Amino acid sequence: MFTKLAGLFLVGGLLLGAAEKKSPAITRGENEDLILDVTLYDDPMLVKELLGTELSGHYIVAAVKVEPKYGKEIIVDRDDFQLRTSKDGEHTTPFAASQIFATDAITVAHAKGAPAASPGMVLAGPLVIHGGPAATGQNENGEAKAGDGAAANKEEPPAKQEDPLKKMLDERALPEKKTGDAVSGLLYFPMEKQKRKDLELLYGGRENRITLRFK
Protein backbone atom coordinates (compact mmCIF):
# COMPACT_ATOMS: atom_id res chain seq x y z
CA MET A 1 0.00 0.00 0.00
CA PHE A 2 2.77 2.40 0.99
CA THR A 3 4.61 1.62 -2.23
CA LYS A 4 1.52 2.41 -4.31
CA LEU A 5 0.96 5.73 -2.50
CA ALA A 6 4.61 6.69 -2.96
CA GLY A 7 4.33 5.90 -6.65
CA LEU A 8 1.20 8.04 -6.97
CA PHE A 9 2.87 10.98 -5.22
CA LEU A 10 5.90 10.64 -7.51
CA VAL A 11 3.80 10.60 -10.67
CA GLY A 12 1.74 13.52 -9.39
CA GLY A 13 4.88 15.52 -8.65
CA LEU A 14 6.27 14.89 -12.11
CA LEU A 15 3.01 15.93 -13.75
CA LEU A 16 2.84 19.07 -11.62
CA GLY A 17 6.44 19.97 -12.52
CA ALA A 18 5.69 19.52 -16.20
CA ALA A 19 2.55 21.66 -15.91
CA GLU A 20 4.46 24.46 -14.16
CA LYS A 21 7.21 24.66 -16.79
CA LYS A 22 6.77 27.86 -18.75
CA SER A 23 6.79 28.04 -22.50
CA PRO A 24 7.53 31.10 -24.65
CA ALA A 25 4.55 33.24 -25.66
CA ILE A 26 3.83 33.40 -29.40
CA THR A 27 1.75 36.08 -31.09
CA ARG A 28 1.25 37.82 -34.46
CA GLY A 29 0.12 41.19 -35.70
CA GLU A 30 0.12 43.23 -38.89
CA ASN A 31 -0.45 46.66 -40.39
CA GLU A 32 -0.66 47.95 -43.98
CA ASP A 33 3.06 47.38 -44.60
CA LEU A 34 4.15 44.23 -42.80
CA ILE A 35 3.40 41.13 -40.75
CA LEU A 36 5.05 40.75 -37.35
CA ASP A 37 5.60 37.36 -35.68
CA VAL A 38 6.96 37.46 -32.12
CA THR A 39 8.05 34.78 -29.65
CA LEU A 40 8.58 36.20 -26.16
CA TYR A 41 11.06 34.75 -23.66
CA ASP A 42 9.99 36.50 -20.48
CA ASP A 43 11.53 34.20 -17.87
CA PRO A 44 15.25 33.76 -17.04
CA MET A 45 15.04 30.01 -17.63
CA LEU A 46 13.47 30.56 -21.06
CA VAL A 47 16.20 33.07 -21.90
CA LYS A 48 18.83 30.52 -20.84
CA GLU A 49 17.29 27.85 -23.08
CA LEU A 50 17.45 30.29 -25.98
CA LEU A 51 20.90 31.83 -25.43
CA GLY A 52 22.73 29.55 -23.02
CA THR A 53 22.76 32.35 -20.41
CA GLU A 54 20.11 34.03 -18.27
CA LEU A 55 21.65 37.48 -18.92
CA SER A 56 21.72 37.76 -15.12
CA GLY A 57 17.91 37.72 -15.12
CA HIS A 58 17.71 41.38 -16.15
CA TYR A 59 16.38 40.99 -19.70
CA ILE A 60 13.30 39.88 -21.61
CA VAL A 61 14.13 38.60 -25.09
CA ALA A 62 11.85 38.66 -28.13
CA ALA A 63 12.49 36.60 -31.26
CA VAL A 64 11.02 38.69 -34.07
CA LYS A 65 10.23 38.04 -37.73
CA VAL A 66 9.36 41.09 -39.84
CA GLU A 67 7.78 40.25 -43.20
CA PRO A 68 6.97 43.06 -45.68
CA LYS A 69 3.66 42.85 -47.52
CA TYR A 70 3.08 42.97 -51.28
CA GLY A 71 6.78 43.29 -52.12
CA LYS A 72 7.11 46.62 -50.29
CA GLU A 73 10.47 47.82 -49.04
CA ILE A 74 10.59 48.69 -45.36
CA ILE A 75 13.25 50.03 -43.01
CA VAL A 76 13.87 47.72 -40.07
CA ASP A 77 14.95 49.75 -37.02
CA ARG A 78 15.19 48.17 -33.57
CA ASP A 79 14.21 51.47 -31.95
CA ASP A 80 10.77 51.15 -33.57
CA PHE A 81 10.04 48.41 -31.03
CA GLN A 82 8.99 49.16 -27.46
CA LEU A 83 8.14 46.77 -24.64
CA ARG A 84 5.94 48.14 -21.90
CA THR A 85 3.96 46.90 -18.92
CA SER A 86 0.48 48.09 -18.04
CA LYS A 87 1.22 47.37 -14.38
CA ASP A 88 3.25 50.53 -13.72
CA GLY A 89 3.90 52.04 -17.16
CA GLU A 90 7.54 50.91 -17.34
CA HIS A 91 8.68 50.87 -20.96
CA THR A 92 11.92 50.41 -22.90
CA THR A 93 13.38 50.04 -26.37
CA PRO A 94 15.77 47.12 -26.99
CA PHE A 95 19.45 47.25 -26.07
CA ALA A 96 22.36 46.46 -28.38
CA ALA A 97 24.91 43.94 -27.12
CA SER A 98 27.39 46.76 -26.43
CA GLN A 99 24.82 48.45 -24.15
CA ILE A 100 24.19 45.21 -22.27
CA PHE A 101 27.88 44.85 -21.48
CA ALA A 102 28.32 48.56 -20.72
CA THR A 103 25.74 48.36 -17.92
CA ASP A 104 27.72 45.53 -16.25
CA ALA A 105 24.57 43.46 -16.29
CA ILE A 106 26.50 40.32 -17.15
CA THR A 107 29.33 38.89 -15.11
CA VAL A 108 31.63 36.63 -17.08
CA ALA A 109 34.30 34.59 -15.25
CA HIS A 110 37.34 34.28 -17.54
CA ALA A 111 39.71 32.23 -15.37
CA LYS A 112 40.50 31.06 -11.87
CA GLY A 113 43.14 32.77 -9.77
CA ALA A 114 44.15 36.41 -9.80
CA PRO A 115 41.75 38.67 -11.72
CA ALA A 116 42.97 40.09 -15.01
CA ALA A 117 43.35 43.83 -15.44
CA SER A 118 40.12 45.49 -16.50
CA PRO A 119 39.93 47.28 -19.87
CA GLY A 120 41.06 50.86 -19.46
CA MET A 121 42.97 50.15 -16.25
CA VAL A 122 45.99 52.45 -15.76
CA LEU A 123 48.92 51.23 -13.72
CA ALA A 124 50.14 54.00 -11.42
CA GLY A 125 53.79 54.89 -10.71
CA PRO A 126 56.89 55.63 -12.79
CA LEU A 127 58.29 53.19 -15.29
CA VAL A 128 61.31 51.42 -13.80
CA ILE A 129 63.71 49.51 -16.03
CA HIS A 130 66.01 47.04 -14.29
CA GLY A 131 69.37 46.00 -15.72
CA GLY A 132 72.54 47.42 -17.28
CA PRO A 133 73.25 48.97 -20.63
CA ALA A 134 71.59 46.17 -22.57
CA ALA A 135 68.32 46.80 -20.75
CA THR A 136 68.46 50.58 -21.19
CA GLY A 137 69.41 50.42 -24.87
CA GLN A 138 72.84 52.08 -24.33
CA ASN A 139 76.34 50.94 -25.15
CA GLU A 140 79.27 50.96 -22.72
CA ASN A 141 79.98 54.63 -23.45
CA GLY A 142 76.42 55.63 -22.53
CA GLU A 143 75.41 56.16 -26.17
CA ALA A 144 72.09 54.92 -27.44
CA LYS A 145 72.23 51.70 -29.42
CA ALA A 146 70.27 51.57 -32.63
CA GLY A 147 67.41 49.13 -32.70
CA ASP A 148 68.20 46.80 -29.79
CA GLY A 149 67.07 49.02 -26.92
CA ALA A 150 63.88 50.11 -28.66
CA ALA A 151 63.03 46.54 -29.51
CA ALA A 152 63.74 45.36 -25.96
CA ASN A 153 61.65 48.05 -24.28
CA LYS A 154 58.78 48.33 -26.72
CA GLU A 155 56.36 45.43 -26.81
CA GLU A 156 53.31 45.17 -28.99
CA PRO A 157 50.12 45.24 -26.87
CA PRO A 158 48.12 42.04 -27.11
CA ALA A 159 45.21 42.16 -29.55
CA LYS A 160 41.93 42.77 -27.77
CA GLN A 161 39.58 39.86 -28.40
CA GLU A 162 35.84 40.35 -28.57
CA ASP A 163 33.92 38.60 -25.82
CA PRO A 164 32.27 35.49 -27.35
CA LEU A 165 28.98 36.18 -25.55
CA LYS A 166 28.84 39.74 -26.87
CA LYS A 167 29.66 38.47 -30.35
CA MET A 168 26.86 35.89 -30.15
CA LEU A 169 24.32 38.50 -29.00
CA ASP A 170 25.36 40.79 -31.86
CA GLU A 171 25.09 38.05 -34.45
CA ARG A 172 21.63 36.98 -33.30
CA ALA A 173 20.17 40.49 -32.97
CA LEU A 174 17.49 41.66 -35.41
CA PRO A 175 19.40 43.26 -38.32
CA GLU A 176 18.74 46.92 -39.06
CA LYS A 177 18.40 47.60 -42.80
CA LYS A 178 16.15 48.51 -45.70
CA THR A 179 14.66 45.37 -47.19
CA GLY A 180 11.84 43.91 -49.20
CA ASP A 181 12.40 40.43 -47.76
CA ALA A 182 11.50 38.90 -44.40
CA VAL A 183 14.14 39.34 -41.69
CA SER A 184 14.43 37.66 -38.30
CA GLY A 185 16.43 38.20 -35.12
CA LEU A 186 16.38 38.87 -31.41
CA LEU A 187 15.56 41.97 -29.37
CA TYR A 188 16.98 42.36 -25.85
CA PHE A 189 14.75 44.43 -23.56
CA PRO A 190 16.17 45.56 -20.18
CA MET A 191 13.13 44.58 -18.09
CA GLU A 192 12.61 41.95 -15.41
CA LYS A 193 10.10 40.41 -13.01
CA GLN A 194 7.02 41.29 -15.04
CA LYS A 195 3.87 39.22 -15.43
CA ARG A 196 3.24 38.11 -18.99
CA LYS A 197 -0.39 39.29 -18.92
CA ASP A 198 0.79 42.86 -18.22
CA LEU A 199 3.25 43.03 -21.12
CA GLU A 200 2.64 44.49 -24.54
CA LEU A 201 4.96 45.01 -27.49
CA LEU A 202 4.50 48.11 -29.61
CA TYR A 203 5.85 48.55 -33.12
CA GLY A 204 5.86 51.68 -35.26
CA GLY A 205 4.31 55.12 -34.94
CA ARG A 206 0.79 55.99 -33.85
CA GLU A 207 -0.66 56.12 -37.36
CA ASN A 208 0.37 52.58 -38.29
CA ARG A 209 1.14 50.98 -34.94
CA ILE A 210 1.01 47.28 -34.14
CA THR A 211 0.23 46.41 -30.50
CA LEU A 212 0.78 42.84 -29.36
CA ARG A 213 -0.34 41.26 -26.07
CA PHE A 214 0.81 37.94 -24.64
CA LYS A 215 -0.93 35.03 -22.90
C-alpha atoms as a PDB file:
ATOM      1  CA  MET A   1       0.000   0.000   0.000  1.00  0.00           C
ATOM      2  CA  PHE A   2       2.773   2.397   0.995  1.00  0.00           C
ATOM      3  CA  THR A   3       4.615   1.620  -2.231  1.00  0.00           C
ATOM      4  CA  LYS A   4       1.517   2.407  -4.312  1.00  0.00           C
ATOM      5  CA  LEU A   5       0.965   5.727  -2.502  1.00  0.00           C
ATOM      6  CA  ALA A   6       4.610   6.686  -2.956  1.00  0.00           C
ATOM      7  CA  GLY A   7       4.333   5.904  -6.647  1.00  0.00           C
ATOM      8  CA  LEU A   8       1.198   8.043  -6.970  1.00  0.00           C
ATOM      9  CA  PHE A   9       2.873  10.983  -5.223  1.00  0.00           C
ATOM     10  CA  LEU A  10       5.902  10.645  -7.512  1.00  0.00           C
ATOM     11  CA  VAL A  11       3.796  10.602 -10.669  1.00  0.00           C
ATOM     12  CA  GLY A  12       1.736  13.518  -9.386  1.00  0.00           C
ATOM     13  CA  GLY A  13       4.877  15.523  -8.650  1.00  0.00           C
ATOM     14  CA  LEU A  14       6.274  14.886 -12.113  1.00  0.00           C
ATOM     15  CA  LEU A  15       3.012  15.933 -13.751  1.00  0.00           C
ATOM     16  CA  LEU A  16       2.843  19.070 -11.618  1.00  0.00           C
ATOM     17  CA  GLY A  17       6.437  19.973 -12.522  1.00  0.00           C
ATOM     18  CA  ALA A  18       5.688  19.518 -16.204  1.00  0.00           C
ATOM     19  CA  ALA A  19       2.551  21.661 -15.912  1.00  0.00           C
ATOM     20  CA  GLU A  20       4.457  24.458 -14.162  1.00  0.00           C
ATOM     21  CA  LYS A  21       7.210  24.659 -16.795  1.00  0.00           C
ATOM     22  CA  LYS A  22       6.771  27.864 -18.750  1.00  0.00           C
ATOM     23  CA  SER A  23       6.788  28.043 -22.504  1.00  0.00           C
ATOM     24  CA  PRO A  24       7.527  31.095 -24.646  1.00  0.00           C
ATOM     25  CA  ALA A  25       4.554  33.240 -25.663  1.00  0.00           C
ATOM     26  CA  ILE A  26       3.826  33.399 -29.403  1.00  0.00           C
ATOM     27  CA  THR A  27       1.745  36.076 -31.094  1.00  0.00           C
ATOM     28  CA  ARG A  28       1.255  37.815 -34.457  1.00  0.00           C
ATOM     29  CA  GLY A  29       0.118  41.194 -35.696  1.00  0.00           C
ATOM     30  CA  GLU A  30       0.116  43.231 -38.892  1.00  0.00           C
ATOM     31  CA  ASN A  31      -0.453  46.656 -40.393  1.00  0.00           C
ATOM     32  CA  GLU A  32      -0.655  47.946 -43.980  1.00  0.00           C
ATOM     33  CA  ASP A  33       3.057  47.383 -44.600  1.00  0.00           C
ATOM     34  CA  LEU A  34       4.154  44.229 -42.796  1.00  0.00           C
ATOM     35  CA  ILE A  35       3.396  41.129 -40.746  1.00  0.00           C
ATOM     36  CA  LEU A  36       5.048  40.752 -37.349  1.00  0.00           C
ATOM     37  CA  ASP A  37       5.605  37.365 -35.680  1.00  0.00           C
ATOM     38  CA  VAL A  38       6.964  37.456 -32.122  1.00  0.00           C
ATOM     39  CA  THR A  39       8.046  34.779 -29.650  1.00  0.00           C
ATOM     40  CA  LEU A  40       8.577  36.204 -26.157  1.00  0.00           C
ATOM     41  CA  TYR A  41      11.064  34.747 -23.663  1.00  0.00           C
ATOM     42  CA  ASP A  42       9.993  36.499 -20.479  1.00  0.00           C
ATOM     43  CA  ASP A  43      11.530  34.199 -17.867  1.00  0.00           C
ATOM     44  CA  PRO A  44      15.253  33.758 -17.043  1.00  0.00           C
ATOM     45  CA  MET A  45      15.043  30.009 -17.629  1.00  0.00           C
ATOM     46  CA  LEU A  46      13.473  30.563 -21.058  1.00  0.00           C
ATOM     47  CA  VAL A  47      16.205  33.071 -21.902  1.00  0.00           C
ATOM     48  CA  LYS A  48      18.825  30.525 -20.845  1.00  0.00           C
ATOM     49  CA  GLU A  49      17.295  27.851 -23.076  1.00  0.00           C
ATOM     50  CA  LEU A  50      17.452  30.292 -25.982  1.00  0.00           C
ATOM     51  CA  LEU A  51      20.895  31.832 -25.426  1.00  0.00           C
ATOM     52  CA  GLY A  52      22.730  29.547 -23.018  1.00  0.00           C
ATOM     53  CA  THR A  53      22.756  32.346 -20.408  1.00  0.00           C
ATOM     54  CA  GLU A  54      20.114  34.031 -18.271  1.00  0.00           C
ATOM     55  CA  LEU A  55      21.651  37.478 -18.920  1.00  0.00           C
ATOM     56  CA  SER A  56      21.715  37.763 -15.117  1.00  0.00           C
ATOM     57  CA  GLY A  57      17.906  37.715 -15.118  1.00  0.00           C
ATOM     58  CA  HIS A  58      17.708  41.380 -16.152  1.00  0.00           C
ATOM     59  CA  TYR A  59      16.377  40.985 -19.700  1.00  0.00           C
ATOM     60  CA  ILE A  60      13.295  39.879 -21.610  1.00  0.00           C
ATOM     61  CA  VAL A  61      14.126  38.600 -25.090  1.00  0.00           C
ATOM     62  CA  ALA A  62      11.849  38.665 -28.134  1.00  0.00           C
ATOM     63  CA  ALA A  63      12.485  36.603 -31.259  1.00  0.00           C
ATOM     64  CA  VAL A  64      11.016  38.694 -34.071  1.00  0.00           C
ATOM     65  CA  LYS A  65      10.227  38.045 -37.729  1.00  0.00           C
ATOM     66  CA  VAL A  66       9.364  41.089 -39.837  1.00  0.00           C
ATOM     67  CA  GLU A  67       7.784  40.250 -43.202  1.00  0.00           C
ATOM     68  CA  PRO A  68       6.970  43.063 -45.682  1.00  0.00           C
ATOM     69  CA  LYS A  69       3.655  42.855 -47.525  1.00  0.00           C
ATOM     70  CA  TYR A  70       3.079  42.973 -51.281  1.00  0.00           C
ATOM     71  CA  GLY A  71       6.778  43.295 -52.120  1.00  0.00           C
ATOM     72  CA  LYS A  72       7.109  46.616 -50.291  1.00  0.00           C
ATOM     73  CA  GLU A  73      10.469  47.815 -49.042  1.00  0.00           C
ATOM     74  CA  ILE A  74      10.591  48.693 -45.356  1.00  0.00           C
ATOM     75  CA  ILE A  75      13.246  50.034 -43.010  1.00  0.00           C
ATOM     76  CA  VAL A  76      13.872  47.723 -40.066  1.00  0.00           C
ATOM     77  CA  ASP A  77      14.955  49.745 -37.020  1.00  0.00           C
ATOM     78  CA  ARG A  78      15.194  48.171 -33.572  1.00  0.00           C
ATOM     79  CA  ASP A  79      14.211  51.465 -31.953  1.00  0.00           C
ATOM     80  CA  ASP A  80      10.767  51.151 -33.572  1.00  0.00           C
ATOM     81  CA  PHE A  81      10.035  48.412 -31.025  1.00  0.00           C
ATOM     82  CA  GLN A  82       8.990  49.158 -27.457  1.00  0.00           C
ATOM     83  CA  LEU A  83       8.136  46.770 -24.638  1.00  0.00           C
ATOM     84  CA  ARG A  84       5.935  48.140 -21.899  1.00  0.00           C
ATOM     85  CA  THR A  85       3.957  46.905 -18.920  1.00  0.00           C
ATOM     86  CA  SER A  86       0.485  48.088 -18.043  1.00  0.00           C
ATOM     87  CA  LYS A  87       1.223  47.365 -14.380  1.00  0.00           C
ATOM     88  CA  ASP A  88       3.254  50.526 -13.721  1.00  0.00           C
ATOM     89  CA  GLY A  89       3.904  52.035 -17.156  1.00  0.00           C
ATOM     90  CA  GLU A  90       7.539  50.909 -17.342  1.00  0.00           C
ATOM     91  CA  HIS A  91       8.685  50.869 -20.963  1.00  0.00           C
ATOM     92  CA  THR A  92      11.925  50.415 -22.895  1.00  0.00           C
ATOM     93  CA  THR A  93      13.375  50.041 -26.366  1.00  0.00           C
ATOM     94  CA  PRO A  94      15.768  47.123 -26.992  1.00  0.00           C
ATOM     95  CA  PHE A  95      19.453  47.252 -26.073  1.00  0.00           C
ATOM     96  CA  ALA A  96      22.357  46.464 -28.380  1.00  0.00           C
ATOM     97  CA  ALA A  97      24.911  43.941 -27.124  1.00  0.00           C
ATOM     98  CA  SER A  98      27.387  46.757 -26.426  1.00  0.00           C
ATOM     99  CA  GLN A  99      24.819  48.445 -24.150  1.00  0.00           C
ATOM    100  CA  ILE A 100      24.191  45.208 -22.269  1.00  0.00           C
ATOM    101  CA  PHE A 101      27.882  44.848 -21.482  1.00  0.00           C
ATOM    102  CA  ALA A 102      28.324  48.562 -20.715  1.00  0.00           C
ATOM    103  CA  THR A 103      25.738  48.358 -17.920  1.00  0.00           C
ATOM    104  CA  ASP A 104      27.724  45.534 -16.248  1.00  0.00           C
ATOM    105  CA  ALA A 105      24.568  43.464 -16.287  1.00  0.00           C
ATOM    106  CA  ILE A 106      26.496  40.316 -17.148  1.00  0.00           C
ATOM    107  CA  THR A 107      29.326  38.890 -15.105  1.00  0.00           C
ATOM    108  CA  VAL A 108      31.631  36.629 -17.078  1.00  0.00           C
ATOM    109  CA  ALA A 109      34.303  34.589 -15.254  1.00  0.00           C
ATOM    110  CA  HIS A 110      37.335  34.278 -17.538  1.00  0.00           C
ATOM    111  CA  ALA A 111      39.708  32.229 -15.372  1.00  0.00           C
ATOM    112  CA  LYS A 112      40.498  31.060 -11.866  1.00  0.00           C
ATOM    113  CA  GLY A 113      43.137  32.765  -9.769  1.00  0.00           C
ATOM    114  CA  ALA A 114      44.147  36.407  -9.803  1.00  0.00           C
ATOM    115  CA  PRO A 115      41.749  38.672 -11.721  1.00  0.00           C
ATOM    116  CA  ALA A 116      42.967  40.086 -15.013  1.00  0.00           C
ATOM    117  CA  ALA A 117      43.347  43.827 -15.439  1.00  0.00           C
ATOM    118  CA  SER A 118      40.121  45.493 -16.499  1.00  0.00           C
ATOM    119  CA  PRO A 119      39.926  47.276 -19.870  1.00  0.00           C
ATOM    120  CA  GLY A 120      41.063  50.856 -19.465  1.00  0.00           C
ATOM    121  CA  MET A 121      42.968  50.148 -16.248  1.00  0.00           C
ATOM    122  CA  VAL A 122      45.992  52.451 -15.757  1.00  0.00           C
ATOM    123  CA  LEU A 123      48.919  51.226 -13.716  1.00  0.00           C
ATOM    124  CA  ALA A 124      50.142  53.997 -11.416  1.00  0.00           C
ATOM    125  CA  GLY A 125      53.792  54.889 -10.706  1.00  0.00           C
ATOM    126  CA  PRO A 126      56.892  55.634 -12.790  1.00  0.00           C
ATOM    127  CA  LEU A 127      58.294  53.188 -15.293  1.00  0.00           C
ATOM    128  CA  VAL A 128      61.310  51.424 -13.796  1.00  0.00           C
ATOM    129  CA  ILE A 129      63.712  49.512 -16.025  1.00  0.00           C
ATOM    130  CA  HIS A 130      66.010  47.039 -14.293  1.00  0.00           C
ATOM    131  CA  GLY A 131      69.370  45.999 -15.716  1.00  0.00           C
ATOM    132  CA  GLY A 132      72.539  47.415 -17.284  1.00  0.00           C
ATOM    133  CA  PRO A 133      73.255  48.966 -20.634  1.00  0.00           C
ATOM    134  CA  ALA A 134      71.591  46.170 -22.572  1.00  0.00           C
ATOM    135  CA  ALA A 135      68.318  46.800 -20.750  1.00  0.00           C
ATOM    136  CA  THR A 136      68.457  50.576 -21.192  1.00  0.00           C
ATOM    137  CA  GLY A 137      69.409  50.425 -24.867  1.00  0.00           C
ATOM    138  CA  GLN A 138      72.836  52.081 -24.334  1.00  0.00           C
ATOM    139  CA  ASN A 139      76.335  50.944 -25.148  1.00  0.00           C
ATOM    140  CA  GLU A 140      79.272  50.960 -22.717  1.00  0.00           C
ATOM    141  CA  ASN A 141      79.979  54.634 -23.453  1.00  0.00           C
ATOM    142  CA  GLY A 142      76.422  55.630 -22.535  1.00  0.00           C
ATOM    143  CA  GLU A 143      75.409  56.163 -26.167  1.00  0.00           C
ATOM    144  CA  ALA A 144      72.085  54.925 -27.439  1.00  0.00           C
ATOM    145  CA  LYS A 145      72.227  51.696 -29.422  1.00  0.00           C
ATOM    146  CA  ALA A 146      70.270  51.574 -32.632  1.00  0.00           C
ATOM    147  CA  GLY A 147      67.412  49.125 -32.703  1.00  0.00           C
ATOM    148  CA  ASP A 148      68.195  46.803 -29.791  1.00  0.00           C
ATOM    149  CA  GLY A 149      67.068  49.020 -26.918  1.00  0.00           C
ATOM    150  CA  ALA A 150      63.879  50.114 -28.659  1.00  0.00           C
ATOM    151  CA  ALA A 151      63.029  46.537 -29.511  1.00  0.00           C
ATOM    152  CA  ALA A 152      63.743  45.356 -25.960  1.00  0.00           C
ATOM    153  CA  ASN A 153      61.651  48.050 -24.280  1.00  0.00           C
ATOM    154  CA  LYS A 154      58.778  48.328 -26.718  1.00  0.00           C
ATOM    155  CA  GLU A 155      56.362  45.433 -26.813  1.00  0.00           C
ATOM    156  CA  GLU A 156      53.307  45.166 -28.986  1.00  0.00           C
ATOM    157  CA  PRO A 157      50.116  45.243 -26.868  1.00  0.00           C
ATOM    158  CA  PRO A 158      48.122  42.039 -27.113  1.00  0.00           C
ATOM    159  CA  ALA A 159      45.208  42.156 -29.549  1.00  0.00           C
ATOM    160  CA  LYS A 160      41.928  42.768 -27.770  1.00  0.00           C
ATOM    161  CA  GLN A 161      39.585  39.860 -28.403  1.00  0.00           C
ATOM    162  CA  GLU A 162      35.844  40.348 -28.565  1.00  0.00           C
ATOM    163  CA  ASP A 163      33.923  38.602 -25.816  1.00  0.00           C
ATOM    164  CA  PRO A 164      32.274  35.488 -27.348  1.00  0.00           C
ATOM    165  CA  LEU A 165      28.982  36.178 -25.549  1.00  0.00           C
ATOM    166  CA  LYS A 166      28.836  39.740 -26.867  1.00  0.00           C
ATOM    167  CA  LYS A 167      29.662  38.467 -30.352  1.00  0.00           C
ATOM    168  CA  MET A 168      26.865  35.893 -30.152  1.00  0.00           C
ATOM    169  CA  LEU A 169      24.318  38.497 -29.000  1.00  0.00           C
ATOM    170  CA  ASP A 170      25.365  40.792 -31.859  1.00  0.00           C
ATOM    171  CA  GLU A 171      25.090  38.047 -34.450  1.00  0.00           C
ATOM    172  CA  ARG A 172      21.626  36.975 -33.300  1.00  0.00           C
ATOM    173  CA  ALA A 173      20.173  40.485 -32.967  1.00  0.00           C
ATOM    174  CA  LEU A 174      17.493  41.664 -35.407  1.00  0.00           C
ATOM    175  CA  PRO A 175      19.395  43.258 -38.323  1.00  0.00           C
ATOM    176  CA  GLU A 176      18.735  46.921 -39.060  1.00  0.00           C
ATOM    177  CA  LYS A 177      18.395  47.597 -42.796  1.00  0.00           C
ATOM    178  CA  LYS A 178      16.152  48.509 -45.698  1.00  0.00           C
ATOM    179  CA  THR A 179      14.655  45.369 -47.192  1.00  0.00           C
ATOM    180  CA  GLY A 180      11.839  43.907 -49.204  1.00  0.00           C
ATOM    181  CA  ASP A 181      12.400  40.431 -47.760  1.00  0.00           C
ATOM    182  CA  ALA A 182      11.499  38.901 -44.403  1.00  0.00           C
ATOM    183  CA  VAL A 183      14.141  39.335 -41.689  1.00  0.00           C
ATOM    184  CA  SER A 184      14.434  37.656 -38.301  1.00  0.00           C
ATOM    185  CA  GLY A 185      16.426  38.202 -35.124  1.00  0.00           C
ATOM    186  CA  LEU A 186      16.383  38.870 -31.407  1.00  0.00           C
ATOM    187  CA  LEU A 187      15.561  41.966 -29.368  1.00  0.00           C
ATOM    188  CA  TYR A 188      16.975  42.360 -25.847  1.00  0.00           C
ATOM    189  CA  PHE A 189      14.746  44.426 -23.558  1.00  0.00           C
ATOM    190  CA  PRO A 190      16.167  45.562 -20.177  1.00  0.00           C
ATOM    191  CA  MET A 191      13.135  44.578 -18.094  1.00  0.00           C
ATOM    192  CA  GLU A 192      12.607  41.953 -15.406  1.00  0.00           C
ATOM    193  CA  LYS A 193      10.096  40.406 -13.007  1.00  0.00           C
ATOM    194  CA  GLN A 194       7.024  41.292 -15.044  1.00  0.00           C
ATOM    195  CA  LYS A 195       3.869  39.222 -15.431  1.00  0.00           C
ATOM    196  CA  ARG A 196       3.236  38.113 -18.986  1.00  0.00           C
ATOM    197  CA  LYS A 197      -0.386  39.287 -18.925  1.00  0.00           C
ATOM    198  CA  ASP A 198       0.789  42.856 -18.225  1.00  0.00           C
ATOM    199  CA  LEU A 199       3.247  43.030 -21.118  1.00  0.00           C
ATOM    200  CA  GLU A 200       2.639  44.495 -24.544  1.00  0.00           C
ATOM    201  CA  LEU A 201       4.959  45.009 -27.486  1.00  0.00           C
ATOM    202  CA  LEU A 202       4.503  48.112 -29.608  1.00  0.00           C
ATOM    203  CA  TYR A 203       5.850  48.546 -33.118  1.00  0.00           C
ATOM    204  CA  GLY A 204       5.858  51.680 -35.262  1.00  0.00           C
ATOM    205  CA  GLY A 205       4.312  55.120 -34.937  1.00  0.00           C
ATOM    206  CA  ARG A 206       0.792  55.986 -33.849  1.00  0.00           C
ATOM    207  CA  GLU A 207      -0.664  56.116 -37.364  1.00  0.00           C
ATOM    208  CA  ASN A 208       0.366  52.575 -38.293  1.00  0.00           C
ATOM    209  CA  ARG A 209       1.144  50.978 -34.940  1.00  0.00           C
ATOM    210  CA  ILE A 210       1.012  47.278 -34.136  1.00  0.00           C
ATOM    211  CA  THR A 211       0.231  46.412 -30.499  1.00  0.00           C
ATOM    212  CA  LEU A 212       0.777  42.836 -29.361  1.00  0.00           C
ATOM    213  CA  ARG A 213      -0.343  41.256 -26.065  1.00  0.00           C
ATOM    214  CA  PHE A 214       0.812  37.937 -24.643  1.00  0.00           C
ATOM    215  CA  LYS A 215      -0.927  35.032 -22.898  1.00  0.00           C
END
